[in-house]
Amino acid sequence: MANPSRYQTGLTNGTPVLGAFCCLDGFSVSHIFARAGFDFLVLDRQHAAYDWHELEQMCFRIKSEGTAVFIRTGSAAQQEIDLALDLPVEGIVIPNSASFEEAQEAFSFTKYPPRGIRSVGNERHEALRDVGTLGDPLVGVLIEHPGAVEAIDEILSLGYDFAWVGTHDLAALMGMKPWDPETGEMPSELAKALHRVKCSADAHGVSFWQPPGQGVPIGIADVDARLVRQAAEQAVTKWKS
């Protein structure tokens, strides 16, 4: 059996785990982040320019450092989910579910019959994922629509392994101005929605990912582009001062 990732070890031991979101193209940045000690990385297929060959290579490089790798799929389409689950990933994050029905359909694409309708795959899939050692991929749902918040108890009863709230899109769809976690306090209605999802996750035994600074065991520190930019700006400021 393969050694467990730091993400799984943290969940097993009840210790905090820290992740980052990756959108910068190329193999090196995500590998550096894994080497730096992030417990998990989420590769963005929804808004970054990754192709499937690039993602495959990134997965192997990240995993070599003991870091778990997740993919946020570009959509909830069956083909997109099939391709993501065929990679050597810890799991996937499914976006864009606006209702229980949409979340239910997307979840069915992640499980083999009779539980779902996931494609069984072929020999390349079996070799790539090292089937039998990675276990069943974790499946998370990204809550970023008010309809999904309303149906959160039904959605999390389906069997999702973790939930994550997309606060920027959710705020926009709730008619709020863009929220910057670094400079502004979270609007009260958005905070209520976040709390509702967290309480539902706790009630259903579902892991909950939260924005930084919320004092929870699983957190996303930031996105790689912002972290790299901040480090570069700090280096320039330090040198010029």
Protein backbone atom coordinates (compact mmCIF):
# COMPACT_ATOMS: atom_id res chain seq x y z
CA MET A 1 0.00 0.00 0.00
CA ALA A 2 1.16 3.54 -0.72
CA ASN A 3 2.04 5.75 2.23
CA PRO A 4 -0.84 8.04 3.25
CA SER A 5 -0.59 11.70 2.30
CA ARG A 6 -0.13 14.39 4.93
CA TYR A 7 -3.76 15.33 4.32
CA GLN A 8 -4.99 11.85 5.26
CA THR A 9 -2.57 11.63 8.17
CA GLY A 10 -3.86 14.93 9.54
CA LEU A 11 -7.47 13.81 9.27
CA THR A 12 -6.65 10.51 10.97
CA ASN A 13 -4.72 12.15 13.81
CA GLY A 14 -7.04 15.13 14.20
CA THR A 15 -4.26 17.63 13.48
CA PRO A 16 -4.62 20.76 11.32
CA VAL A 17 -3.93 20.43 7.61
CA LEU A 18 -3.13 23.32 5.30
CA GLY A 19 -3.74 23.58 1.58
CA ALA A 20 -3.25 26.03 -1.24
CA PHE A 21 -5.03 26.66 -4.49
CA CYS A 22 -2.98 26.40 -7.70
CA CYS A 23 -3.66 28.22 -10.95
CA LEU A 24 -0.16 29.07 -12.24
CA ASP A 25 0.83 27.04 -15.28
CA GLY A 26 3.95 24.91 -15.39
CA PHE A 27 5.12 22.12 -13.11
CA SER A 28 7.57 23.96 -10.86
CA VAL A 29 5.40 26.25 -8.72
CA SER A 30 3.10 23.50 -7.46
CA HIS A 31 6.11 21.24 -6.84
CA ILE A 32 7.81 23.98 -4.81
CA PHE A 33 4.63 24.44 -2.78
CA ALA A 34 4.51 20.71 -2.07
CA ARG A 35 8.18 20.71 -1.06
CA ALA A 36 7.51 23.72 1.20
CA GLY A 37 5.17 21.59 3.29
CA PHE A 38 1.60 22.22 2.18
CA ASP A 39 -0.46 19.18 3.14
CA PHE A 40 -2.65 19.38 0.05
CA LEU A 41 -2.91 21.34 -3.17
CA VAL A 42 -5.98 21.97 -5.31
CA LEU A 43 -5.27 22.25 -9.04
CA ASP A 44 -7.82 24.47 -10.75
CA ARG A 45 -9.35 23.18 -13.98
CA GLN A 46 -12.16 25.72 -13.79
CA HIS A 47 -10.20 28.95 -14.18
CA ALA A 48 -6.57 27.98 -14.92
CA ALA A 49 -5.14 26.94 -18.29
CA TYR A 50 -4.11 23.39 -17.34
CA ASP A 51 -4.42 20.64 -19.91
CA TRP A 52 -4.75 16.97 -18.97
CA HIS A 53 -1.14 16.06 -19.78
CA GLU A 54 0.14 18.87 -17.58
CA LEU A 55 -2.15 17.86 -14.72
CA GLU A 56 -0.96 14.26 -14.92
CA GLN A 57 2.69 15.30 -14.52
CA MET A 58 1.87 17.76 -11.74
CA CYS A 59 0.02 15.07 -9.80
CA PHE A 60 3.04 12.76 -9.74
CA ARG A 61 5.44 15.54 -8.76
CA ILE A 62 3.20 16.80 -5.95
CA LYS A 63 2.55 13.32 -4.60
CA SER A 64 6.31 12.59 -4.50
CA GLU A 65 6.55 15.10 -1.62
CA GLY A 66 3.80 13.43 0.44
CA THR A 67 1.33 16.18 -0.43
CA ALA A 68 -2.21 15.26 -1.43
CA VAL A 69 -3.46 16.58 -4.74
CA PHE A 70 -7.04 17.47 -5.59
CA ILE A 71 -8.50 18.77 -8.84
CA ARG A 72 -11.30 21.28 -9.02
CA THR A 73 -13.01 20.10 -12.17
CA GLY A 74 -13.85 22.55 -14.91
CA SER A 75 -17.50 21.62 -14.64
CA ALA A 76 -19.83 18.95 -13.30
CA ALA A 77 -19.98 17.23 -16.70
CA GLN A 78 -19.47 13.47 -16.70
CA GLN A 79 -16.53 13.51 -19.13
CA GLU A 80 -14.71 16.12 -17.03
CA ILE A 81 -15.22 14.10 -13.84
CA ASP A 82 -14.18 10.83 -15.53
CA LEU A 83 -10.90 12.32 -16.73
CA ALA A 84 -10.11 13.90 -13.36
CA LEU A 85 -10.80 10.69 -11.41
CA ASP A 86 -8.55 8.70 -13.76
CA LEU A 87 -5.55 10.73 -12.57
CA PRO A 88 -3.49 9.83 -9.46
CA VAL A 89 -5.38 12.24 -7.22
CA GLU A 90 -6.54 12.17 -3.63
CA GLY A 91 -9.86 13.47 -4.84
CA ILE A 92 -11.79 16.07 -6.77
CA VAL A 93 -13.86 19.17 -6.01
CA ILE A 94 -17.04 19.53 -8.09
CA PRO A 95 -18.21 23.12 -8.77
CA ASN A 96 -21.40 24.72 -10.04
CA SER A 97 -24.07 22.71 -8.24
CA ALA A 98 -27.05 25.01 -7.79
CA SER A 99 -29.50 22.45 -6.38
CA PHE A 100 -29.84 19.03 -4.82
CA GLU A 101 -30.66 17.52 -8.22
CA GLU A 102 -27.50 18.88 -9.81
CA ALA A 103 -25.35 17.74 -6.88
CA GLN A 104 -26.96 14.30 -7.01
CA GLU A 105 -26.25 13.89 -10.73
CA ALA A 106 -22.64 15.01 -10.34
CA PHE A 107 -22.12 12.62 -7.43
CA SER A 108 -23.44 9.71 -9.52
CA PHE A 109 -20.60 10.31 -11.99
CA THR A 110 -18.00 9.65 -9.24
CA LYS A 111 -19.11 6.15 -8.16
CA TYR A 112 -19.03 2.87 -10.04
CA PRO A 113 -22.25 0.90 -10.59
CA PRO A 114 -24.47 0.07 -8.82
CA ARG A 115 -23.91 3.15 -6.62
CA GLY A 116 -23.37 5.44 -9.58
CA ILE A 117 -22.62 5.50 -13.29
CA ARG A 118 -18.88 6.23 -13.35
CA SER A 119 -17.06 4.76 -16.34
CA VAL A 120 -14.94 1.76 -15.34
CA GLY A 121 -11.98 2.87 -17.47
CA ASN A 122 -9.23 0.80 -19.04
CA GLU A 123 -5.72 -0.52 -18.54
CA ARG A 124 -4.12 2.91 -18.77
CA HIS A 125 -6.38 4.21 -16.03
CA GLU A 126 -5.50 1.26 -13.82
CA ALA A 127 -1.76 1.76 -14.34
CA LEU A 128 -1.92 5.53 -13.88
CA ARG A 129 -3.92 5.50 -10.69
CA ASP A 130 -2.23 2.40 -9.29
CA VAL A 131 -5.67 1.01 -8.61
CA GLY A 132 -5.82 -0.92 -5.34
CA THR A 133 -3.35 1.29 -3.49
CA LEU A 134 -4.93 4.74 -3.73
CA GLY A 135 -8.38 3.71 -2.58
CA ASP A 136 -11.61 5.36 -3.61
CA PRO A 137 -11.00 9.05 -4.52
CA LEU A 138 -12.46 11.62 -2.15
CA VAL A 139 -15.27 13.69 -3.62
CA GLY A 140 -16.00 17.21 -2.47
CA VAL A 141 -18.74 19.66 -3.36
CA LEU A 142 -18.07 23.36 -3.83
CA ILE A 143 -20.98 25.35 -2.43
CA GLU A 144 -21.15 28.63 -4.35
CA HIS A 145 -24.83 29.08 -5.14
CA PRO A 146 -27.65 30.13 -2.78
CA GLY A 147 -29.72 27.17 -4.01
CA ALA A 148 -27.02 24.79 -2.83
CA VAL A 149 -26.94 26.47 0.58
CA GLU A 150 -30.70 25.99 0.87
CA ALA A 151 -30.39 22.31 -0.01
CA ILE A 152 -27.19 21.65 1.92
CA ASP A 153 -28.60 18.96 4.24
CA GLU A 154 -29.94 16.95 1.31
CA ILE A 155 -26.72 17.43 -0.67
CA LEU A 156 -24.42 16.29 2.13
CA SER A 157 -26.60 13.26 2.80
CA LEU A 158 -25.58 11.92 -0.63
CA GLY A 159 -22.16 10.78 0.58
CA TYR A 160 -19.79 13.62 -0.29
CA ASP A 161 -16.51 13.41 1.64
CA PHE A 162 -15.96 17.14 2.13
CA ALA A 163 -17.56 20.51 1.45
CA TRP A 164 -16.03 23.84 0.57
CA VAL A 165 -17.78 27.20 0.27
CA GLY A 166 -16.80 29.40 -2.69
CA THR A 167 -17.26 32.67 -0.85
CA HIS A 168 -16.52 34.95 -3.79
CA ASP A 169 -19.07 33.48 -6.19
CA LEU A 170 -21.59 32.93 -3.42
CA ALA A 171 -21.31 36.55 -2.33
CA ALA A 172 -21.77 37.74 -5.91
CA LEU A 173 -24.86 35.57 -6.42
CA MET A 174 -26.25 36.85 -3.13
CA GLY A 175 -25.95 40.40 -4.46
CA MET A 176 -22.98 41.42 -2.29
CA LYS A 177 -19.86 43.33 -3.23
CA PRO A 178 -16.69 41.23 -3.71
CA TRP A 179 -15.34 40.16 -0.35
CA ASP A 180 -11.59 40.36 0.33
CA PRO A 181 -10.63 38.20 3.34
CA GLU A 182 -7.43 40.20 3.78
CA THR A 183 -9.00 43.64 4.04
CA GLY A 184 -12.65 43.30 4.92
CA GLU A 185 -14.93 41.67 7.45
CA MET A 186 -17.18 38.97 6.06
CA PRO A 187 -20.73 40.26 5.42
CA SER A 188 -23.18 38.89 7.96
CA GLU A 189 -25.41 37.10 5.41
CA LEU A 190 -22.37 35.41 3.87
CA ALA A 191 -21.14 34.43 7.34
CA LYS A 192 -24.57 32.90 8.07
CA ALA A 193 -24.42 30.85 4.87
CA LEU A 194 -20.92 29.65 5.71
CA HIS A 195 -22.05 28.70 9.22
CA ARG A 196 -25.06 26.83 7.86
CA VAL A 197 -22.86 24.72 5.58
CA LYS A 198 -20.38 24.04 8.39
CA CYS A 199 -23.12 22.93 10.79
CA SER A 200 -24.56 20.62 8.13
CA ALA A 201 -21.10 19.18 7.42
CA ASP A 202 -20.57 18.51 11.13
CA ALA A 203 -23.97 16.84 11.39
CA HIS A 204 -23.26 14.55 8.43
CA GLY A 205 -19.67 13.72 9.37
CA VAL A 206 -18.35 15.56 6.30
CA SER A 207 -14.97 17.30 6.40
CA PHE A 208 -15.26 21.06 6.01
CA TRP A 209 -12.74 23.31 4.30
CA GLN A 210 -12.84 26.97 5.34
CA PRO A 211 -11.14 30.24 4.42
CA PRO A 212 -7.96 31.08 6.36
CA GLY A 213 -8.23 32.51 9.83
CA GLN A 214 -11.43 30.67 10.74
CA GLY A 215 -9.75 28.41 13.30
CA VAL A 216 -10.65 25.08 11.72
CA PRO A 217 -8.56 21.95 11.15
CA ILE A 218 -8.69 22.16 7.32
CA GLY A 219 -7.90 25.45 5.65
CA ILE A 220 -6.90 26.92 2.31
CA ALA A 221 -4.05 29.39 2.84
CA ASP A 222 -4.42 31.22 -0.47
CA VAL A 223 -3.93 30.86 -4.21
CA ASP A 224 -0.41 30.36 -5.58
CA ALA A 225 -0.51 33.45 -7.80
CA ARG A 226 -1.18 35.74 -4.84
CA LEU A 227 1.39 34.01 -2.63
CA VAL A 228 4.08 34.26 -5.31
CA ARG A 229 3.22 37.91 -6.01
CA GLN A 230 3.32 38.79 -2.31
CA ALA A 231 6.68 37.06 -1.87
CA ALA A 232 8.07 38.92 -4.89
CA GLU A 233 6.77 42.27 -3.63
CA GLN A 234 8.23 41.64 -0.18
CA ALA A 235 11.60 40.76 -1.71
CA VAL A 236 11.61 43.96 -3.78
CA THR A 237 10.60 46.07 -0.79
CA LYS A 238 13.25 44.48 1.42
CA TRP A 239 16.01 44.97 -1.15
CA LYS A 240 15.09 48.58 -1.98
CA SER A 241 14.80 49.54 1.67
